[in-house]
């Protein structure tokens, strides 16, 4: 009977060690927290918050750059997320925030200079008439 008792005694976790955490578990948890902090520090994106994505085709988009603002009536409502060459035209990808909605089917966009001599450009959007269907 005493052999059985000794065997049980060694298989149970002592009360002193129940509150302790393993250094390996702590290191893994620390690395995960640091990786998440670095990811959000460099991307500067808020998770699960995405705007409305809109594509516009221009004859020339030489002056527009990614992260250029998209404005409706002088108010920033989004930004340019990418520019692609599509044959002889340029496809400009934009992300519009909820304050820039609704955008109707007769909406128009133009590339405009922000300040005359500075050389910065933005995308000006006219959201269209409410009589048209929203996109």
N, C-alpha and C. Protein backbone atom coordinates (compact mmCIF):
# COMPACT_ATOMS: atom_id res chain seq x y z
N UNK A 1 0.81 -1.18 0.00
CA UNK A 1 0.00 0.00 0.00
C UNK A 1 0.87 1.26 0.00
N UNK A 2 2.02 1.23 0.63
CA UNK A 2 2.85 2.42 0.68
C UNK A 2 3.45 2.74 -0.69
N UNK A 3 3.72 1.70 -1.52
CA UNK A 3 4.22 1.97 -2.87
C UNK A 3 3.18 2.70 -3.71
N UNK A 4 1.95 2.30 -3.58
CA UNK A 4 0.87 2.95 -4.32
C UNK A 4 0.72 4.40 -3.87
N UNK A 5 0.86 4.61 -2.63
CA UNK A 5 0.75 5.96 -2.09
C UNK A 5 1.87 6.86 -2.62
N UNK A 6 3.09 6.37 -2.67
CA UNK A 6 4.22 7.16 -3.18
C UNK A 6 4.01 7.48 -4.67
N UNK A 7 3.50 6.53 -5.41
CA UNK A 7 3.27 6.77 -6.83
C UNK A 7 2.25 7.88 -7.04
N UNK A 8 1.15 7.87 -6.29
CA UNK A 8 0.14 8.93 -6.39
C UNK A 8 0.71 10.27 -5.99
N UNK A 9 1.51 10.25 -4.98
CA UNK A 9 2.06 11.50 -4.48
C UNK A 9 2.90 12.21 -5.54
N UNK A 10 3.63 11.47 -6.31
CA UNK A 10 4.49 12.07 -7.32
C UNK A 10 3.74 12.46 -8.59
N UNK A 11 2.59 11.89 -8.85
CA UNK A 11 1.85 12.21 -10.06
C UNK A 11 1.00 13.47 -9.90
N UNK A 12 0.75 13.89 -8.69
CA UNK A 12 -0.04 15.09 -8.46
C UNK A 12 0.86 16.33 -8.48
N UNK A 13 0.32 17.44 -8.90
CA UNK A 13 1.06 18.70 -8.92
C UNK A 13 1.06 19.29 -7.52
N UNK A 14 2.22 19.62 -7.00
CA UNK A 14 2.25 20.22 -5.66
C UNK A 14 1.55 21.57 -5.65
N UNK A 15 0.98 21.92 -4.53
CA UNK A 15 0.25 23.18 -4.38
C UNK A 15 1.16 24.38 -4.59
N UNK A 16 2.41 24.26 -4.26
CA UNK A 16 3.36 25.36 -4.40
C UNK A 16 3.55 25.74 -5.86
N UNK A 17 3.48 24.78 -6.77
CA UNK A 17 3.72 25.05 -8.19
C UNK A 17 2.47 25.41 -8.97
N UNK A 18 1.31 25.39 -8.38
CA UNK A 18 0.08 25.69 -9.10
C UNK A 18 0.02 27.15 -9.56
N UNK A 19 0.52 28.08 -8.80
CA UNK A 19 0.46 29.49 -9.15
C UNK A 19 1.56 29.95 -10.08
N UNK A 20 2.56 29.13 -10.29
CA UNK A 20 3.70 29.53 -11.12
C UNK A 20 3.39 29.36 -12.60
N UNK A 21 3.98 30.22 -13.37
CA UNK A 21 3.83 30.13 -14.81
C UNK A 21 5.18 29.73 -15.40
N UNK A 22 5.15 28.98 -16.45
CA UNK A 22 6.38 28.53 -17.08
C UNK A 22 7.03 29.69 -17.82
N UNK A 23 8.35 29.80 -17.81
CA UNK A 23 9.03 30.87 -18.54
C UNK A 23 8.82 30.76 -20.06
N UNK A 24 8.66 29.56 -20.56
CA UNK A 24 8.43 29.37 -22.00
C UNK A 24 7.05 29.93 -22.38
N UNK A 25 6.06 29.65 -21.57
CA UNK A 25 4.71 30.18 -21.82
C UNK A 25 4.71 31.70 -21.77
N UNK A 26 5.42 32.26 -20.80
CA UNK A 26 5.51 33.72 -20.70
C UNK A 26 6.21 34.31 -21.92
N UNK A 27 7.29 33.68 -22.38
CA UNK A 27 8.03 34.19 -23.54
C UNK A 27 7.18 34.15 -24.81
N UNK A 28 6.43 33.07 -25.00
CA UNK A 28 5.56 32.96 -26.18
C UNK A 28 4.47 34.02 -26.14
N UNK A 29 3.85 34.20 -25.00
CA UNK A 29 2.82 35.23 -24.86
C UNK A 29 3.39 36.63 -25.09
N UNK A 30 4.58 36.88 -24.57
CA UNK A 30 5.24 38.17 -24.75
C UNK A 30 5.54 38.43 -26.22
N UNK A 31 6.03 37.42 -26.94
CA UNK A 31 6.33 37.58 -28.37
C UNK A 31 5.07 37.83 -29.19
N UNK A 32 3.98 37.19 -28.84
CA UNK A 32 2.72 37.41 -29.55
C UNK A 32 2.23 38.84 -29.35
N UNK A 33 2.30 39.34 -28.13
CA UNK A 33 1.88 40.72 -27.84
C UNK A 33 2.77 41.71 -28.57
N UNK A 34 4.07 41.49 -28.59
CA UNK A 34 5.00 42.39 -29.30
C UNK A 34 4.73 42.35 -30.80
N UNK A 35 4.47 41.18 -31.38
CA UNK A 35 4.19 41.07 -32.82
C UNK A 35 2.92 41.82 -33.18
N UNK A 36 1.88 41.73 -32.37
CA UNK A 36 0.64 42.46 -32.63
C UNK A 36 0.87 43.95 -32.54
N UNK A 37 1.62 44.40 -31.54
CA UNK A 37 1.91 45.84 -31.39
C UNK A 37 2.71 46.37 -32.58
N UNK A 38 3.69 45.62 -33.03
CA UNK A 38 4.50 46.05 -34.18
C UNK A 38 3.64 46.09 -35.45
N UNK A 39 2.78 45.10 -35.64
CA UNK A 39 1.92 45.07 -36.83
C UNK A 39 1.03 46.32 -36.88
N UNK A 40 0.34 46.62 -35.80
CA UNK A 40 -0.56 47.78 -35.81
C UNK A 40 0.22 49.10 -35.79
N UNK A 41 1.44 49.08 -35.30
CA UNK A 41 2.27 50.28 -35.34
C UNK A 41 2.69 50.66 -36.74
N UNK A 42 2.95 49.67 -37.58
CA UNK A 42 3.40 49.95 -38.93
C UNK A 42 2.25 50.06 -39.94
N UNK A 43 1.16 49.34 -39.75
CA UNK A 43 0.08 49.41 -40.72
C UNK A 43 -0.83 50.61 -40.49
N UNK A 44 -0.95 51.05 -39.27
CA UNK A 44 -1.80 52.18 -38.90
C UNK A 44 -3.23 51.98 -39.39
N UNK A 45 -3.67 50.76 -39.42
CA UNK A 45 -5.04 50.44 -39.84
C UNK A 45 -5.84 49.97 -38.63
N UNK A 46 -7.07 50.35 -38.61
CA UNK A 46 -7.95 49.92 -37.54
C UNK A 46 -8.60 48.61 -37.99
N UNK A 47 -8.48 47.54 -37.19
CA UNK A 47 -9.04 46.27 -37.64
C UNK A 47 -10.56 46.30 -37.71
N UNK A 48 -11.11 45.58 -38.64
CA UNK A 48 -12.55 45.43 -38.86
C UNK A 48 -13.23 46.73 -39.27
N UNK A 49 -12.48 47.74 -39.68
CA UNK A 49 -13.08 48.99 -40.15
C UNK A 49 -12.61 49.21 -41.58
N UNK A 50 -13.49 48.97 -42.50
CA UNK A 50 -13.16 49.15 -43.90
C UNK A 50 -14.21 50.05 -44.52
N UNK A 51 -13.75 50.92 -45.38
CA UNK A 51 -14.67 51.81 -46.07
C UNK A 51 -15.21 51.17 -47.34
N UNK A 52 -15.91 51.96 -48.10
CA UNK A 52 -16.47 51.54 -49.37
C UNK A 52 -15.37 51.66 -50.42
N UNK A 53 -15.13 50.61 -51.17
CA UNK A 53 -14.08 50.64 -52.18
C UNK A 53 -14.68 51.02 -53.52
N UNK A 54 -14.00 51.94 -54.20
CA UNK A 54 -14.48 52.48 -55.46
C UNK A 54 -13.31 52.53 -56.43
N UNK A 55 -13.56 52.16 -57.67
CA UNK A 55 -12.54 52.23 -58.72
C UNK A 55 -12.98 53.26 -59.75
N UNK A 56 -12.03 54.07 -60.22
CA UNK A 56 -12.31 55.07 -61.26
C UNK A 56 -11.24 54.95 -62.33
N UNK A 57 -11.65 55.14 -63.56
CA UNK A 57 -10.72 55.03 -64.68
C UNK A 57 -10.48 56.42 -65.27
N UNK A 58 -9.21 56.78 -65.40
CA UNK A 58 -8.80 58.08 -65.93
C UNK A 58 -7.94 57.89 -67.17
N UNK A 59 -7.95 58.89 -68.04
CA UNK A 59 -7.07 58.86 -69.20
C UNK A 59 -5.62 58.98 -68.76
N UNK A 60 -5.37 59.76 -67.72
CA UNK A 60 -4.03 59.91 -67.17
C UNK A 60 -4.14 60.17 -65.68
N UNK A 61 -3.35 59.45 -64.91
CA UNK A 61 -3.31 59.66 -63.46
C UNK A 61 -1.87 59.87 -63.02
N UNK A 62 -1.11 60.62 -63.81
CA UNK A 62 0.30 60.84 -63.54
C UNK A 62 0.50 61.60 -62.23
N UNK A 63 -0.36 62.56 -61.95
CA UNK A 63 -0.15 63.43 -60.80
C UNK A 63 -0.70 62.86 -59.49
N UNK A 64 -1.53 61.86 -59.54
CA UNK A 64 -2.15 61.33 -58.33
C UNK A 64 -1.26 60.22 -57.75
N UNK A 65 -1.22 60.12 -56.42
CA UNK A 65 -0.38 59.13 -55.73
C UNK A 65 -1.21 58.39 -54.69
N UNK A 66 -0.78 57.20 -54.29
CA UNK A 66 -1.48 56.54 -53.19
C UNK A 66 -1.46 57.42 -51.94
N UNK A 67 -2.49 57.35 -51.16
CA UNK A 67 -2.73 58.13 -49.94
C UNK A 67 -3.13 59.57 -50.25
N UNK A 68 -3.36 59.91 -51.52
CA UNK A 68 -3.90 61.24 -51.85
C UNK A 68 -5.35 61.29 -51.38
N UNK A 69 -5.82 62.45 -50.92
CA UNK A 69 -7.19 62.52 -50.41
C UNK A 69 -8.24 62.46 -51.51
N UNK A 70 -9.41 61.98 -51.13
CA UNK A 70 -10.60 62.01 -51.97
C UNK A 70 -11.56 62.96 -51.27
N UNK A 71 -12.06 63.96 -52.00
CA UNK A 71 -12.89 65.00 -51.38
C UNK A 71 -14.24 65.11 -52.06
N UNK A 72 -15.25 65.40 -51.25
CA UNK A 72 -16.59 65.75 -51.73
C UNK A 72 -16.89 67.11 -51.13
N UNK A 73 -17.09 68.11 -51.98
CA UNK A 73 -17.39 69.48 -51.56
C UNK A 73 -16.32 70.02 -50.61
N UNK A 74 -15.05 69.68 -50.85
CA UNK A 74 -13.95 70.19 -50.05
C UNK A 74 -13.70 69.44 -48.75
N UNK A 75 -14.46 68.40 -48.47
CA UNK A 75 -14.32 67.63 -47.24
C UNK A 75 -13.66 66.30 -47.57
N UNK A 76 -12.61 65.93 -46.84
CA UNK A 76 -11.96 64.65 -47.06
C UNK A 76 -12.89 63.52 -46.65
N UNK A 77 -13.18 62.63 -47.59
CA UNK A 77 -14.07 61.49 -47.31
C UNK A 77 -13.38 60.16 -47.60
N UNK A 78 -12.13 60.18 -47.98
CA UNK A 78 -11.43 58.94 -48.27
C UNK A 78 -10.03 59.19 -48.75
N UNK A 79 -9.42 58.13 -49.30
CA UNK A 79 -8.06 58.25 -49.81
C UNK A 79 -7.86 57.28 -50.96
N UNK A 80 -6.87 57.58 -51.78
CA UNK A 80 -6.48 56.71 -52.89
C UNK A 80 -5.66 55.57 -52.30
N UNK A 81 -6.04 54.33 -52.62
CA UNK A 81 -5.31 53.19 -52.09
C UNK A 81 -4.37 52.55 -53.10
N UNK A 82 -4.59 52.81 -54.37
CA UNK A 82 -3.70 52.23 -55.37
C UNK A 82 -3.98 52.75 -56.76
N UNK A 83 -2.97 52.62 -57.61
CA UNK A 83 -3.08 53.06 -59.01
C UNK A 83 -2.53 51.94 -59.88
N UNK A 84 -3.28 51.54 -60.91
CA UNK A 84 -2.85 50.49 -61.82
C UNK A 84 -2.98 50.98 -63.25
N UNK A 85 -2.05 50.56 -64.06
CA UNK A 85 -2.15 50.87 -65.48
C UNK A 85 -3.04 49.81 -66.12
N UNK A 86 -4.01 50.27 -66.89
CA UNK A 86 -4.94 49.37 -67.54
C UNK A 86 -5.01 49.75 -69.01
N UNK A 87 -4.12 49.17 -69.81
CA UNK A 87 -4.04 49.54 -71.23
C UNK A 87 -3.49 50.95 -71.36
N UNK A 88 -4.23 51.82 -72.05
CA UNK A 88 -3.79 53.21 -72.19
C UNK A 88 -4.41 54.11 -71.13
N UNK A 89 -5.13 53.53 -70.18
CA UNK A 89 -5.76 54.32 -69.11
C UNK A 89 -5.20 53.91 -67.76
N UNK A 90 -5.60 54.64 -66.73
CA UNK A 90 -5.16 54.35 -65.36
C UNK A 90 -6.38 54.02 -64.51
N UNK A 91 -6.29 52.98 -63.73
CA UNK A 91 -7.35 52.58 -62.81
C UNK A 91 -6.94 53.03 -61.42
N UNK A 92 -7.70 53.95 -60.84
CA UNK A 92 -7.41 54.49 -59.51
C UNK A 92 -8.36 53.84 -58.52
N UNK A 93 -7.79 53.18 -57.50
CA UNK A 93 -8.58 52.51 -56.46
C UNK A 93 -8.67 53.44 -55.26
N UNK A 94 -9.89 53.63 -54.77
CA UNK A 94 -10.12 54.54 -53.64
C UNK A 94 -10.90 53.83 -52.55
N UNK A 95 -10.72 54.28 -51.34
CA UNK A 95 -11.50 53.79 -50.20
C UNK A 95 -12.24 54.99 -49.62
N UNK A 96 -13.56 54.92 -49.63
CA UNK A 96 -14.42 56.02 -49.19
C UNK A 96 -14.99 55.67 -47.81
N UNK A 97 -14.93 56.62 -46.89
CA UNK A 97 -15.49 56.41 -45.55
C UNK A 97 -17.01 56.55 -45.61
N UNK A 98 -17.66 56.20 -44.53
CA UNK A 98 -19.13 56.23 -44.50
C UNK A 98 -19.68 57.65 -44.63
N UNK A 99 -18.91 58.67 -44.24
CA UNK A 99 -19.41 60.04 -44.38
C UNK A 99 -19.45 60.50 -45.83
N UNK A 100 -18.82 59.76 -46.74
CA UNK A 100 -18.84 60.09 -48.17
C UNK A 100 -19.93 59.36 -48.94
N UNK A 101 -20.72 58.58 -48.26
CA UNK A 101 -21.79 57.82 -48.91
C UNK A 101 -23.11 58.57 -48.82
N UNK A 102 -24.07 58.39 -49.66
CA UNK A 102 -24.14 57.45 -50.77
C UNK A 102 -23.51 58.01 -52.03
N UNK A 103 -23.04 57.12 -52.85
CA UNK A 103 -22.51 57.47 -54.16
C UNK A 103 -23.48 56.89 -55.18
N UNK A 104 -23.99 57.73 -56.06
CA UNK A 104 -25.01 57.31 -57.02
C UNK A 104 -24.37 56.92 -58.35
N UNK A 105 -25.14 56.30 -59.22
CA UNK A 105 -24.62 55.76 -60.48
C UNK A 105 -24.15 56.85 -61.45
N UNK A 106 -24.57 58.09 -61.28
CA UNK A 106 -24.11 59.16 -62.16
C UNK A 106 -23.01 60.01 -61.51
N UNK A 107 -22.27 59.44 -60.56
CA UNK A 107 -21.19 60.16 -59.89
C UNK A 107 -20.04 60.43 -60.86
N UNK A 108 -19.33 61.52 -60.63
CA UNK A 108 -18.18 61.87 -61.46
C UNK A 108 -16.97 62.14 -60.56
N UNK A 109 -15.78 61.87 -61.08
CA UNK A 109 -14.54 62.13 -60.35
C UNK A 109 -13.57 62.87 -61.25
N UNK A 110 -12.78 63.75 -60.65
CA UNK A 110 -11.77 64.53 -61.38
C UNK A 110 -10.51 64.59 -60.54
N UNK A 111 -9.36 64.66 -61.20
CA UNK A 111 -8.09 64.88 -60.51
C UNK A 111 -7.84 66.37 -60.53
N UNK A 112 -7.68 66.96 -59.33
CA UNK A 112 -7.53 68.41 -59.20
C UNK A 112 -6.27 68.75 -58.41
N UNK A 113 -5.67 69.94 -58.67
CA UNK A 113 -4.53 70.38 -57.84
C UNK A 113 -5.01 70.87 -56.48
N UNK A 114 -4.29 70.51 -55.45
CA UNK A 114 -4.66 70.94 -54.11
C UNK A 114 -4.28 72.41 -53.90
N UNK A 115 -3.04 72.75 -54.13
CA UNK A 115 -2.57 74.14 -54.07
C UNK A 115 -1.85 74.39 -55.39
N UNK A 116 -2.05 75.56 -55.96
CA UNK A 116 -1.61 75.85 -57.32
C UNK A 116 -0.13 75.55 -57.56
N UNK A 117 0.78 76.09 -56.77
CA UNK A 117 2.20 75.94 -57.03
C UNK A 117 2.85 74.79 -56.26
N UNK A 118 2.15 74.19 -55.34
CA UNK A 118 2.75 73.15 -54.51
C UNK A 118 2.89 71.82 -55.24
N UNK A 119 1.96 71.49 -56.09
CA UNK A 119 2.06 70.26 -56.86
C UNK A 119 1.34 69.07 -56.26
N UNK A 120 0.65 69.23 -55.15
CA UNK A 120 -0.14 68.13 -54.59
C UNK A 120 -1.47 68.06 -55.31
N UNK A 121 -1.97 66.85 -55.50
CA UNK A 121 -3.21 66.65 -56.22
C UNK A 121 -4.16 65.82 -55.37
N UNK A 122 -5.45 65.93 -55.63
CA UNK A 122 -6.46 65.15 -54.93
C UNK A 122 -7.53 64.74 -55.92
N UNK A 123 -8.39 63.82 -55.51
CA UNK A 123 -9.49 63.37 -56.34
C UNK A 123 -10.76 64.05 -55.83
N UNK A 124 -11.40 64.82 -56.72
CA UNK A 124 -12.65 65.48 -56.37
C UNK A 124 -13.80 64.63 -56.89
N UNK A 125 -14.74 64.33 -56.01
CA UNK A 125 -15.85 63.48 -56.39
C UNK A 125 -17.17 64.23 -56.23
N UNK A 126 -18.00 64.14 -57.26
CA UNK A 126 -19.38 64.62 -57.19
C UNK A 126 -20.24 63.37 -57.05
N UNK A 127 -20.93 63.17 -55.90
CA UNK A 127 -21.59 61.90 -55.66
C UNK A 127 -22.80 61.60 -56.55
N UNK A 128 -23.24 62.54 -57.35
CA UNK A 128 -24.37 62.28 -58.25
C UNK A 128 -25.69 62.74 -57.68
N UNK A 129 -26.75 62.59 -58.47
CA UNK A 129 -28.07 63.06 -58.06
C UNK A 129 -28.82 61.96 -57.31
N UNK A 130 -29.64 62.34 -56.34
CA UNK A 130 -30.38 61.34 -55.57
C UNK A 130 -31.43 60.59 -56.38
N UNK A 131 -31.73 61.06 -57.59
CA UNK A 131 -32.72 60.38 -58.42
C UNK A 131 -32.15 59.09 -59.01
N UNK A 132 -30.82 58.99 -59.08
CA UNK A 132 -30.17 57.79 -59.62
C UNK A 132 -30.04 56.74 -58.51
N UNK A 133 -29.85 55.52 -58.91
CA UNK A 133 -29.68 54.44 -57.93
C UNK A 133 -28.31 54.53 -57.27
N UNK A 134 -28.23 54.29 -55.95
CA UNK A 134 -26.90 54.26 -55.32
C UNK A 134 -26.12 53.03 -55.74
N UNK A 135 -24.81 53.15 -55.74
CA UNK A 135 -23.94 52.01 -56.11
C UNK A 135 -23.85 51.01 -55.00
